[in-house]
């Protein structure tokens, strides 16, 4: 992390739409890897105005950096922007994950205005309480077969590298982005079962803790849904999904998706009790309308099959 005097000047954002919300959760940035979508992330952070920003683990990919060093200027710019947000009054809370587990040694410390915690409880504007955790402690592969997690991580990085080359060709042909890894993971029944088991385990622990819901990351699969009486929220990732979870001023939760021409909203959990349909916070075209049948929309990212752990 760099001293303020050495920061890259932040470009003016005149005319840029602002996402003004109460709280934002982002995770699985994987800074330090070629797969990190740092440019899109930086654009998102520059348009962001929030009271609290939660960094829900795997912000820096220590696993990849130990294998080979990769740290371009854009990744510095992301770190500088996060520190700048903290200095300007946003409460920034860092909950380490398995890829940046080295930071767990510094729990209860404060670095440049960024609080480091193992996990925490967030209270929504409508009074609901959400447990915030990365989620790797409920991943049997990470906890019980660590070598397999490392092998899977290397395989995932290889798939992303192939996918980048493949999409360079598609871009020249004028075709949209297509995710090879999502396609492969959606075809593997064990991957789908893994995600379901993970979600059930996290929701079960949230219920045991006596909270209304949980916010996590880890599996790169953004979603808001009910698991029995627990509100399960996953904020996705900034490698492929480019998603964040946000809380509006009234306590309404929403997944913001920056992967499709920066048109947000793929899932909405209205404030309790539901009164009016959720409205889009930004003046952007063609939002996907929220479902109003249930206080919580039981859907994840549109068209996104299950993801495997990182």
C-alpha atoms as a PDB file:
ATOM      1  CA  UNK A   1       0.000   0.000   0.000  1.00  0.00           C
ATOM      2  CA  UNK A   2       1.367   3.315  -1.051  1.00  0.00           C
ATOM      3  CA  UNK A   3       1.733   6.637   0.651  1.00  0.00           C
ATOM      4  CA  UNK A   4      -0.803   9.252  -0.382  1.00  0.00           C
ATOM      5  CA  UNK A   5       1.944  11.331  -2.006  1.00  0.00           C
ATOM      6  CA  UNK A   6       2.611   8.544  -4.516  1.00  0.00           C
ATOM      7  CA  UNK A   7      -0.988   7.875  -5.511  1.00  0.00           C
ATOM      8  CA  UNK A   8      -2.071   7.995  -9.130  1.00  0.00           C
ATOM      9  CA  UNK A   9      -4.262  11.091  -9.596  1.00  0.00           C
ATOM     10  CA  UNK A  10      -7.912  10.122  -9.832  1.00  0.00           C
ATOM     11  CA  UNK A  11      -9.533  11.188 -13.107  1.00  0.00           C
ATOM     12  CA  UNK A  12     -12.539  13.464 -12.984  1.00  0.00           C
ATOM     13  CA  UNK A  13     -15.882  11.661 -13.128  1.00  0.00           C
ATOM     14  CA  UNK A  14     -17.919  14.597 -14.412  1.00  0.00           C
ATOM     15  CA  UNK A  15     -21.142  13.316 -15.889  1.00  0.00           C
ATOM     16  CA  UNK A  16     -20.691   9.776 -14.573  1.00  0.00           C
ATOM     17  CA  UNK A  17     -23.743   8.293 -12.877  1.00  0.00           C
ATOM     18  CA  UNK A  18     -23.303   7.814  -9.138  1.00  0.00           C
ATOM     19  CA  UNK A  19     -24.392   4.734  -7.237  1.00  0.00           C
ATOM     20  CA  UNK A  20     -25.413   6.217  -3.901  1.00  0.00           C
ATOM     21  CA  UNK A  21     -26.309   3.506  -1.408  1.00  0.00           C
ATOM     22  CA  UNK A  22     -26.027   2.757   2.303  1.00  0.00           C
ATOM     23  CA  UNK A  23     -23.790  -0.339   2.100  1.00  0.00           C
ATOM     24  CA  UNK A  24     -21.791  -2.284  -0.501  1.00  0.00           C
ATOM     25  CA  UNK A  25     -20.310  -5.782  -0.320  1.00  0.00           C
ATOM     26  CA  UNK A  26     -17.694  -6.951  -2.833  1.00  0.00           C
ATOM     27  CA  UNK A  27     -15.458 -10.012  -2.713  1.00  0.00           C
ATOM     28  CA  UNK A  28     -13.168 -12.240  -4.752  1.00  0.00           C
ATOM     29  CA  UNK A  29     -11.351  -9.418  -6.544  1.00  0.00           C
ATOM     30  CA  UNK A  30      -8.227 -11.607  -6.833  1.00  0.00           C
ATOM     31  CA  UNK A  31      -5.834  -8.695  -7.176  1.00  0.00           C
ATOM     32  CA  UNK A  32      -2.469 -10.095  -8.206  1.00  0.00           C
ATOM     33  CA  UNK A  33      -3.864 -12.322 -10.957  1.00  0.00           C
ATOM     34  CA  UNK A  34      -4.386 -11.674 -14.685  1.00  0.00           C
ATOM     35  CA  UNK A  35      -8.022 -12.692 -14.227  1.00  0.00           C
ATOM     36  CA  UNK A  36      -8.862  -9.726 -11.983  1.00  0.00           C
ATOM     37  CA  UNK A  37     -11.092  -7.265 -13.858  1.00  0.00           C
ATOM     38  CA  UNK A  38      -9.363  -4.288 -12.274  1.00  0.00           C
ATOM     39  CA  UNK A  39     -10.478  -1.714 -14.862  1.00  0.00           C
ATOM     40  CA  UNK A  40     -14.173  -2.524 -14.426  1.00  0.00           C
ATOM     41  CA  UNK A  41     -13.722  -2.643 -10.648  1.00  0.00           C
ATOM     42  CA  UNK A  42     -11.993   0.736 -10.598  1.00  0.00           C
ATOM     43  CA  UNK A  43     -14.776   2.280 -12.690  1.00  0.00           C
ATOM     44  CA  UNK A  44     -17.329   0.856 -10.248  1.00  0.00           C
ATOM     45  CA  UNK A  45     -15.483   2.221  -7.202  1.00  0.00           C
ATOM     46  CA  UNK A  46     -15.155   5.663  -8.784  1.00  0.00           C
ATOM     47  CA  UNK A  47     -18.916   5.837  -9.288  1.00  0.00           C
ATOM     48  CA  UNK A  48     -19.608   4.620  -5.764  1.00  0.00           C
ATOM     49  CA  UNK A  49     -20.960   6.656  -2.862  1.00  0.00           C
ATOM     50  CA  UNK A  50     -21.669   4.557   0.237  1.00  0.00           C
ATOM     51  CA  UNK A  51     -21.509   4.756   4.023  1.00  0.00           C
ATOM     52  CA  UNK A  52     -19.921   1.310   4.480  1.00  0.00           C
ATOM     53  CA  UNK A  53     -17.924  -0.887   2.118  1.00  0.00           C
ATOM     54  CA  UNK A  54     -17.305  -4.525   3.046  1.00  0.00           C
ATOM     55  CA  UNK A  55     -14.406  -6.347   1.366  1.00  0.00           C
ATOM     56  CA  UNK A  56     -15.581  -9.926   1.851  1.00  0.00           C
ATOM     57  CA  UNK A  57     -12.375 -11.891   1.263  1.00  0.00           C
ATOM     58  CA  UNK A  58     -10.029 -12.948  -1.541  1.00  0.00           C
ATOM     59  CA  UNK A  59      -9.226  -9.314  -2.207  1.00  0.00           C
ATOM     60  CA  UNK A  60      -5.540 -10.078  -2.813  1.00  0.00           C
ATOM     61  CA  UNK A  61      -4.671 -13.509  -4.216  1.00  0.00           C
ATOM     62  CA  UNK A  62      -1.765 -14.622  -2.064  1.00  0.00           C
ATOM     63  CA  UNK A  63      -1.880 -18.138  -3.535  1.00  0.00           C
ATOM     64  CA  UNK A  64      -1.203 -16.844  -7.054  1.00  0.00           C
ATOM     65  CA  UNK A  65       1.405 -14.292  -5.950  1.00  0.00           C
ATOM     66  CA  UNK A  66       3.403 -17.036  -4.239  1.00  0.00           C
ATOM     67  CA  UNK A  67       3.499 -18.954  -7.531  1.00  0.00           C
ATOM     68  CA  UNK A  68       4.402 -15.984  -9.728  1.00  0.00           C
ATOM     69  CA  UNK A  69       4.419 -12.224  -9.196  1.00  0.00           C
ATOM     70  CA  UNK A  70       1.805 -10.228 -11.109  1.00  0.00           C
ATOM     71  CA  UNK A  71       0.939  -6.719  -9.948  1.00  0.00           C
ATOM     72  CA  UNK A  72       0.239  -4.108 -12.680  1.00  0.00           C
ATOM     73  CA  UNK A  73      -0.423  -0.414 -12.008  1.00  0.00           C
ATOM     74  CA  UNK A  74      -4.193  -0.926 -12.264  1.00  0.00           C
ATOM     75  CA  UNK A  75      -4.056  -3.175  -9.197  1.00  0.00           C
ATOM     76  CA  UNK A  76      -2.186  -0.412  -7.341  1.00  0.00           C
ATOM     77  CA  UNK A  77      -4.900   1.995  -8.440  1.00  0.00           C
ATOM     78  CA  UNK A  78      -7.612  -0.232  -6.944  1.00  0.00           C
ATOM     79  CA  UNK A  79      -5.790  -0.380  -3.591  1.00  0.00           C
ATOM     80  CA  UNK A  80      -5.265   3.389  -3.663  1.00  0.00           C
ATOM     81  CA  UNK A  81      -8.957   3.956  -4.403  1.00  0.00           C
ATOM     82  CA  UNK A  82     -10.004   1.767  -1.467  1.00  0.00           C
ATOM     83  CA  UNK A  83      -7.690   3.721   0.856  1.00  0.00           C
ATOM     84  CA  UNK A  84      -8.985   6.994  -0.583  1.00  0.00           C
ATOM     85  CA  UNK A  85     -12.577   5.956   0.165  1.00  0.00           C
ATOM     86  CA  UNK A  86     -11.586   5.203   3.762  1.00  0.00           C
ATOM     87  CA  UNK A  87      -9.881   8.583   4.138  1.00  0.00           C
ATOM     88  CA  UNK A  88     -12.904  10.408   2.756  1.00  0.00           C
ATOM     89  CA  UNK A  89     -15.261   8.967   5.346  1.00  0.00           C
ATOM     90  CA  UNK A  90     -16.465   5.608   4.032  1.00  0.00           C
ATOM     91  CA  UNK A  91     -16.190   2.873   6.620  1.00  0.00           C
ATOM     92  CA  UNK A  92     -14.144   0.117   4.934  1.00  0.00           C
ATOM     93  CA  UNK A  93     -14.198  -3.333   6.565  1.00  0.00           C
ATOM     94  CA  UNK A  94     -11.966  -6.168   5.341  1.00  0.00           C
ATOM     95  CA  UNK A  95     -13.013  -9.779   6.067  1.00  0.00           C
ATOM     96  CA  UNK A  96     -10.126 -11.991   4.820  1.00  0.00           C
ATOM     97  CA  UNK A  97     -10.744 -15.160   2.815  1.00  0.00           C
ATOM     98  CA  UNK A  98      -8.665 -18.221   2.006  1.00  0.00           C
ATOM     99  CA  UNK A  99      -6.626 -16.554  -0.766  1.00  0.00           C
ATOM    100  CA  UNK A 100      -5.669 -13.658   1.521  1.00  0.00           C
ATOM    101  CA  UNK A 101      -5.618 -15.668   4.740  1.00  0.00           C
ATOM    102  CA  UNK A 102      -2.293 -14.001   5.649  1.00  0.00           C
ATOM    103  CA  UNK A 103      -4.381 -10.985   6.689  1.00  0.00           C
ATOM    104  CA  UNK A 104      -6.101 -13.015   9.423  1.00  0.00           C
ATOM    105  CA  UNK A 105      -2.982 -12.458  11.513  1.00  0.00           C
ATOM    106  CA  UNK A 106      -3.937  -8.779  11.638  1.00  0.00           C
ATOM    107  CA  UNK A 107      -7.554  -9.117  12.799  1.00  0.00           C
ATOM    108  CA  UNK A 108      -8.586  -6.217  15.064  1.00  0.00           C
ATOM    109  CA  UNK A 109      -5.987  -3.957  13.438  1.00  0.00           C
ATOM    110  CA  UNK A 110      -6.612  -0.894  11.293  1.00  0.00           C
ATOM    111  CA  UNK A 111      -4.541  -0.155   8.182  1.00  0.00           C
ATOM    112  CA  UNK A 112      -5.017   3.213   6.518  1.00  0.00           C
ATOM    113  CA  UNK A 113      -8.568   3.391   7.834  1.00  0.00           C
ATOM    114  CA  UNK A 114      -9.411  -0.182   6.768  1.00  0.00           C
ATOM    115  CA  UNK A 115     -10.685  -2.374   9.622  1.00  0.00           C
ATOM    116  CA  UNK A 116      -9.636  -6.048   9.537  1.00  0.00           C
ATOM    117  CA  UNK A 117     -12.105  -8.506  11.125  1.00  0.00           C
ATOM    118  CA  UNK A 118     -12.652 -12.263  11.040  1.00  0.00           C
ATOM    119  CA  UNK A 119     -16.374 -11.768  10.477  1.00  0.00           C
ATOM    120  CA  UNK A 120     -19.012  -9.313  11.695  1.00  0.00           C
ATOM    121  CA  UNK A 121     -22.709  -8.502  11.983  1.00  0.00           C
ATOM    122  CA  UNK A 122     -24.254  -5.823   9.792  1.00  0.00           C
ATOM    123  CA  UNK A 123     -27.616  -4.278  10.687  1.00  0.00           C
ATOM    124  CA  UNK A 124     -29.752  -3.205   7.742  1.00  0.00           C
ATOM    125  CA  UNK A 125     -31.734   0.030   7.759  1.00  0.00           C
ATOM    126  CA  UNK A 126     -34.929  -1.955   8.437  1.00  0.00           C
ATOM    127  CA  UNK A 127     -33.408  -3.700  11.485  1.00  0.00           C
ATOM    128  CA  UNK A 128     -32.514  -7.083   9.972  1.00  0.00           C
ATOM    129  CA  UNK A 129     -29.128  -8.462  11.023  1.00  0.00           C
ATOM    130  CA  UNK A 130     -26.761 -10.074   8.522  1.00  0.00           C
ATOM    131  CA  UNK A 131     -23.681 -12.125   9.339  1.00  0.00           C
ATOM    132  CA  UNK A 132     -20.758 -11.218   7.035  1.00  0.00           C
ATOM    133  CA  UNK A 133     -18.164 -13.933   6.326  1.00  0.00           C
ATOM    134  CA  UNK A 134     -16.088 -14.969   3.317  1.00  0.00           C
ATOM    135  CA  UNK A 135     -17.364 -18.540   3.569  1.00  0.00           C
ATOM    136  CA  UNK A 136     -14.225 -20.634   3.046  1.00  0.00           C
ATOM    137  CA  UNK A 137     -14.562 -22.132   6.536  1.00  0.00           C
ATOM    138  CA  UNK A 138     -17.638 -23.978   5.208  1.00  0.00           C
ATOM    139  CA  UNK A 139     -15.834 -25.340   2.159  1.00  0.00           C
ATOM    140  CA  UNK A 140     -14.924 -28.969   2.770  1.00  0.00           C
ATOM    141  CA  UNK A 141     -12.304 -28.957   0.006  1.00  0.00           C
ATOM    142  CA  UNK A 142     -10.431 -25.961   1.443  1.00  0.00           C
ATOM    143  CA  UNK A 143     -10.652 -27.247   5.009  1.00  0.00           C
ATOM    144  CA  UNK A 144     -10.100 -30.990   4.531  1.00  0.00           C
ATOM    145  CA  UNK A 145      -8.211 -31.409   1.233  1.00  0.00           C
ATOM    146  CA  UNK A 146      -6.110 -28.273   0.890  1.00  0.00           C
ATOM    147  CA  UNK A 147      -3.886 -29.807  -1.795  1.00  0.00           C
ATOM    148  CA  UNK A 148      -6.988 -30.383  -3.924  1.00  0.00           C
ATOM    149  CA  UNK A 149      -7.984 -26.745  -3.480  1.00  0.00           C
ATOM    150  CA  UNK A 150      -4.561 -25.676  -4.793  1.00  0.00           C
ATOM    151  CA  UNK A 151      -4.876 -28.026  -7.776  1.00  0.00           C
ATOM    152  CA  UNK A 152      -8.332 -26.680  -8.509  1.00  0.00           C
ATOM    153  CA  UNK A 153      -7.031 -23.121  -8.299  1.00  0.00           C
ATOM    154  CA  UNK A 154      -4.297 -23.827 -10.859  1.00  0.00           C
ATOM    155  CA  UNK A 155      -6.833 -25.504 -13.170  1.00  0.00           C
ATOM    156  CA  UNK A 156      -9.193 -22.527 -12.820  1.00  0.00           C
ATOM    157  CA  UNK A 157      -6.392 -20.068 -13.710  1.00  0.00           C
ATOM    158  CA  UNK A 158      -5.582 -22.144 -16.801  1.00  0.00           C
ATOM    159  CA  UNK A 159      -9.231 -22.132 -17.852  1.00  0.00           C
ATOM    160  CA  UNK A 160      -9.376 -18.353 -17.457  1.00  0.00           C
ATOM    161  CA  UNK A 161      -6.242 -17.970 -19.596  1.00  0.00           C
ATOM    162  CA  UNK A 162      -7.769 -20.087 -22.373  1.00  0.00           C
ATOM    163  CA  UNK A 163     -11.025 -18.188 -22.017  1.00  0.00           C
ATOM    164  CA  UNK A 164      -9.277 -14.801 -22.408  1.00  0.00           C
ATOM    165  CA  UNK A 165      -7.689 -15.894 -25.710  1.00  0.00           C
ATOM    166  CA  UNK A 166     -10.986 -17.368 -26.900  1.00  0.00           C
ATOM    167  CA  UNK A 167     -12.884 -14.152 -26.155  1.00  0.00           C
ATOM    168  CA  UNK A 168     -10.256 -12.022 -27.896  1.00  0.00           C
ATOM    169  CA  UNK A 169     -11.195 -13.886 -31.079  1.00  0.00           C
ATOM    170  CA  UNK A 170     -14.921 -13.499 -30.348  1.00  0.00           C
ATOM    171  CA  UNK A 171     -14.446  -9.757 -29.801  1.00  0.00           C
ATOM    172  CA  UNK A 172     -12.776  -9.391 -33.216  1.00  0.00           C
ATOM    173  CA  UNK A 173     -15.799 -11.124 -34.736  1.00  0.00           C
ATOM    174  CA  UNK A 174     -18.151  -8.768 -32.910  1.00  0.00           C
ATOM    175  CA  UNK A 175     -19.474 -11.514 -30.630  1.00  0.00           C
ATOM    176  CA  UNK A 176     -20.276 -10.983 -26.923  1.00  0.00           C
ATOM    177  CA  UNK A 177     -18.262 -12.377 -24.008  1.00  0.00           C
ATOM    178  CA  UNK A 178     -18.786 -16.068 -23.276  1.00  0.00           C
ATOM    179  CA  UNK A 179     -17.495 -17.818 -20.182  1.00  0.00           C
ATOM    180  CA  UNK A 180     -15.914 -21.218 -20.763  1.00  0.00           C
ATOM    181  CA  UNK A 181     -15.485 -21.859 -17.050  1.00  0.00           C
ATOM    182  CA  UNK A 182     -19.158 -21.151 -16.317  1.00  0.00           C
ATOM    183  CA  UNK A 183     -20.165 -23.478 -19.119  1.00  0.00           C
ATOM    184  CA  UNK A 184     -17.932 -26.290 -17.862  1.00  0.00           C
ATOM    185  CA  UNK A 185     -18.993 -25.839 -14.247  1.00  0.00           C
ATOM    186  CA  UNK A 186     -22.654 -25.851 -15.244  1.00  0.00           C
ATOM    187  CA  UNK A 187     -22.171 -29.203 -16.948  1.00  0.00           C
ATOM    188  CA  UNK A 188     -20.615 -30.856 -13.889  1.00  0.00           C
ATOM    189  CA  UNK A 189     -23.292 -32.141 -11.515  1.00  0.00           C
ATOM    190  CA  UNK A 190     -20.819 -32.302  -8.643  1.00  0.00           C
ATOM    191  CA  UNK A 191     -20.157 -28.557  -8.994  1.00  0.00           C
ATOM    192  CA  UNK A 192     -23.882 -27.816  -8.763  1.00  0.00           C
ATOM    193  CA  UNK A 193     -24.150 -30.096  -5.726  1.00  0.00           C
ATOM    194  CA  UNK A 194     -21.112 -28.419  -4.144  1.00  0.00           C
ATOM    195  CA  UNK A 195     -22.678 -24.963  -4.412  1.00  0.00           C
ATOM    196  CA  UNK A 196     -25.938 -26.191  -2.887  1.00  0.00           C
ATOM    197  CA  UNK A 197     -24.097 -27.887   0.008  1.00  0.00           C
ATOM    198  CA  UNK A 198     -22.057 -24.728   0.616  1.00  0.00           C
ATOM    199  CA  UNK A 199     -25.142 -22.493   0.680  1.00  0.00           C
ATOM    200  CA  UNK A 200     -26.973 -24.833   3.046  1.00  0.00           C
ATOM    201  CA  UNK A 201     -23.983 -24.993   5.420  1.00  0.00           C
ATOM    202  CA  UNK A 202     -23.566 -21.211   5.550  1.00  0.00           C
ATOM    203  CA  UNK A 203     -27.309 -20.671   6.069  1.00  0.00           C
ATOM    204  CA  UNK A 204     -27.354 -23.294   8.832  1.00  0.00           C
ATOM    205  CA  UNK A 205     -24.567 -21.463  10.693  1.00  0.00           C
ATOM    206  CA  UNK A 206     -26.357 -18.127  10.272  1.00  0.00           C
ATOM    207  CA  UNK A 207     -29.482 -19.680  11.781  1.00  0.00           C
ATOM    208  CA  UNK A 208     -27.424 -21.032  14.699  1.00  0.00           C
ATOM    209  CA  UNK A 209     -26.074 -17.517  15.330  1.00  0.00           C
ATOM    210  CA  UNK A 210     -29.600 -16.146  15.547  1.00  0.00           C
ATOM    211  CA  UNK A 211     -29.310 -13.639  12.678  1.00  0.00           C
ATOM    212  CA  UNK A 212     -31.724 -12.916   9.826  1.00  0.00           C
ATOM    213  CA  UNK A 213     -29.313 -13.659   7.023  1.00  0.00           C
ATOM    214  CA  UNK A 214     -25.764 -14.020   5.766  1.00  0.00           C
ATOM    215  CA  UNK A 215     -23.551 -12.283   3.208  1.00  0.00           C
ATOM    216  CA  UNK A 216     -20.633 -14.270   1.804  1.00  0.00           C
ATOM    217  CA  UNK A 217     -18.490 -14.761  -1.295  1.00  0.00           C
ATOM    218  CA  UNK A 218     -16.010 -17.556  -2.093  1.00  0.00           C
ATOM    219  CA  UNK A 219     -17.940 -19.550  -4.742  1.00  0.00           C
ATOM    220  CA  UNK A 220     -18.114 -16.797  -7.412  1.00  0.00           C
ATOM    221  CA  UNK A 221     -21.889 -17.117  -7.764  1.00  0.00           C
ATOM    222  CA  UNK A 222     -23.948 -13.997  -6.988  1.00  0.00           C
ATOM    223  CA  UNK A 223     -27.358 -14.706  -5.533  1.00  0.00           C
ATOM    224  CA  UNK A 224     -30.082 -13.503  -3.180  1.00  0.00           C
ATOM    225  CA  UNK A 225     -32.549 -16.141  -2.005  1.00  0.00           C
ATOM    226  CA  UNK A 226     -34.298 -17.642   0.981  1.00  0.00           C
ATOM    227  CA  UNK A 227     -32.987 -20.859   2.467  1.00  0.00           C
ATOM    228  CA  UNK A 228     -35.806 -21.778   4.817  1.00  0.00           C
ATOM    229  CA  UNK A 229     -35.981 -18.824   7.216  1.00  0.00           C
ATOM    230  CA  UNK A 230     -32.505 -17.420   6.395  1.00  0.00           C
ATOM    231  CA  UNK A 231     -31.767 -14.751   3.795  1.00  0.00           C
ATOM    232  CA  UNK A 232     -28.757 -16.005   1.821  1.00  0.00           C
ATOM    233  CA  UNK A 233     -26.749 -13.385  -0.112  1.00  0.00           C
ATOM    234  CA  UNK A 234     -23.616 -13.976  -2.158  1.00  0.00           C
ATOM    235  CA  UNK A 235     -21.933 -10.943  -3.718  1.00  0.00           C
ATOM    236  CA  UNK A 236     -20.234 -12.856  -6.563  1.00  0.00           C
ATOM    237  CA  UNK A 237     -16.773 -11.907  -7.842  1.00  0.00           C
ATOM    238  CA  UNK A 238     -14.707  -9.522  -9.992  1.00  0.00           C
ATOM    239  CA  UNK A 239     -13.066 -12.153 -12.176  1.00  0.00           C
ATOM    240  CA  UNK A 240     -16.022 -13.112 -14.376  1.00  0.00           C
ATOM    241  CA  UNK A 241     -19.313 -12.074 -12.777  1.00  0.00           C
ATOM    242  CA  UNK A 242     -18.411  -8.433 -11.977  1.00  0.00           C
ATOM    243  CA  UNK A 243     -21.077  -8.213  -9.295  1.00  0.00           C
ATOM    244  CA  UNK A 244     -21.629  -6.485  -5.969  1.00  0.00           C
ATOM    245  CA  UNK A 245     -24.322  -6.630  -3.310  1.00  0.00           C
ATOM    246  CA  UNK A 246     -25.737  -3.259  -2.262  1.00  0.00           C
ATOM    247  CA  UNK A 247     -28.109  -2.059   0.446  1.00  0.00           C
ATOM    248  CA  UNK A 248     -30.270   0.937  -0.394  1.00  0.00           C
ATOM    249  CA  UNK A 249     -31.175   3.582   2.159  1.00  0.00           C
ATOM    250  CA  UNK A 250     -34.423   1.779   3.015  1.00  0.00           C
ATOM    251  CA  UNK A 251     -32.728  -1.576   3.659  1.00  0.00           C
ATOM    252  CA  UNK A 252     -33.549  -3.053   0.263  1.00  0.00           C
ATOM    253  CA  UNK A 253     -30.854  -5.424  -1.037  1.00  0.00           C
ATOM    254  CA  UNK A 254     -29.842  -5.719  -4.664  1.00  0.00           C
ATOM    255  CA  UNK A 255     -27.194  -7.424  -6.782  1.00  0.00           C
ATOM    256  CA  UNK A 256     -25.493  -4.978  -9.135  1.00  0.00           C
ATOM    257  CA  UNK A 257     -24.135  -6.636 -12.274  1.00  0.00           C
ATOM    258  CA  UNK A 258     -21.445  -4.760 -14.255  1.00  0.00           C
ATOM    259  CA  UNK A 259     -20.775  -7.564 -16.726  1.00  0.00           C
ATOM    260  CA  UNK A 260     -23.492  -6.691 -19.250  1.00  0.00           C
ATOM    261  CA  UNK A 261     -22.988  -3.157 -20.546  1.00  0.00           C
ATOM    262  CA  UNK A 262     -23.114  -1.997 -16.928  1.00  0.00           C
ATOM    263  CA  UNK A 263     -26.816  -2.613 -16.650  1.00  0.00           C
ATOM    264  CA  UNK A 264     -27.382  -3.422 -12.949  1.00  0.00           C
ATOM    265  CA  UNK A 265     -29.975  -5.510 -11.129  1.00  0.00           C
ATOM    266  CA  UNK A 266     -30.175  -9.252 -11.481  1.00  0.00           C
ATOM    267  CA  UNK A 267     -31.804 -10.025  -8.156  1.00  0.00           C
ATOM    268  CA  UNK A 268     -33.602  -7.980  -5.551  1.00  0.00           C
ATOM    269  CA  UNK A 269     -34.590  -8.518  -1.933  1.00  0.00           C
ATOM    270  CA  UNK A 270     -37.106  -5.761  -1.037  1.00  0.00           C
ATOM    271  CA  UNK A 271     -37.184  -4.044   2.327  1.00  0.00           C
ATOM    272  CA  UNK A 272     -39.319  -5.844   4.935  1.00  0.00           C
ATOM    273  CA  UNK A 273     -42.272  -5.581   4.686  1.00  0.00           C
ATOM    274  CA  UNK A 274     -42.443  -5.246   0.900  1.00  0.00           C
ATOM    275  CA  UNK A 275     -44.420  -2.163  -0.069  1.00  0.00           C
ATOM    276  CA  UNK A 276     -43.464  -0.970  -3.541  1.00  0.00           C
ATOM    277  CA  UNK A 277     -41.528  -2.599  -6.390  1.00  0.00           C
ATOM    278  CA  UNK A 278     -37.797  -1.972  -6.181  1.00  0.00           C
ATOM    279  CA  UNK A 279     -36.574   0.939  -8.290  1.00  0.00           C
ATOM    280  CA  UNK A 280     -33.274   1.259 -10.084  1.00  0.00           C
ATOM    281  CA  UNK A 281     -30.868   3.598  -8.294  1.00  0.00           C
ATOM    282  CA  UNK A 282     -29.123   4.716 -11.496  1.00  0.00           C
ATOM    283  CA  UNK A 283     -30.621   6.322 -14.638  1.00  0.00           C
ATOM    284  CA  UNK A 284     -29.534   3.412 -16.822  1.00  0.00           C
ATOM    285  CA  UNK A 285     -31.522   1.680 -19.567  1.00  0.00           C
ATOM    286  CA  UNK A 286     -33.432  -1.566 -19.520  1.00  0.00           C
ATOM    287  CA  UNK A 287     -33.202  -2.787 -15.910  1.00  0.00           C
ATOM    288  CA  UNK A 288     -34.405  -6.283 -15.191  1.00  0.00           C
ATOM    289  CA  UNK A 289     -37.596  -5.878 -13.207  1.00  0.00           C
ATOM    290  CA  UNK A 290     -37.644  -7.479  -9.718  1.00  0.00           C
ATOM    291  CA  UNK A 291     -40.146 -10.172  -8.890  1.00  0.00           C
ATOM    292  CA  UNK A 292     -42.833  -9.111  -6.435  1.00  0.00           C
ATOM    293  CA  UNK A 293     -44.369 -12.448  -5.548  1.00  0.00           C
ATOM    294  CA  UNK A 294     -42.233 -12.980  -2.456  1.00  0.00           C
ATOM    295  CA  UNK A 295     -40.442 -10.581  -0.076  1.00  0.00           C
ATOM    296  CA  UNK A 296     -37.221 -12.110  -1.394  1.00  0.00           C
ATOM    297  CA  UNK A 297     -36.643 -12.897  -5.052  1.00  0.00           C
ATOM    298  CA  UNK A 298     -35.369 -16.463  -5.238  1.00  0.00           C
ATOM    299  CA  UNK A 299     -32.976 -16.049  -8.114  1.00  0.00           C
ATOM    300  CA  UNK A 300     -29.304 -15.703  -8.713  1.00  0.00           C
ATOM    301  CA  UNK A 301     -27.451 -14.175 -11.627  1.00  0.00           C
ATOM    302  CA  UNK A 302     -29.502 -14.455 -14.762  1.00  0.00           C
ATOM    303  CA  UNK A 303     -28.177 -17.214 -16.955  1.00  0.00           C
ATOM    304  CA  UNK A 304     -25.303 -18.018 -14.589  1.00  0.00           C
ATOM    305  CA  UNK A 305     -24.749 -21.685 -13.725  1.00  0.00           C
ATOM    306  CA  UNK A 306     -23.128 -22.704 -10.505  1.00  0.00           C
ATOM    307  CA  UNK A 307     -19.505 -21.913  -9.777  1.00  0.00           C
ATOM    308  CA  UNK A 308     -16.732 -23.814  -8.062  1.00  0.00           C
ATOM    309  CA  UNK A 309     -14.636 -22.487  -5.190  1.00  0.00           C
ATOM    310  CA  UNK A 310     -11.512 -20.371  -5.587  1.00  0.00           C
END
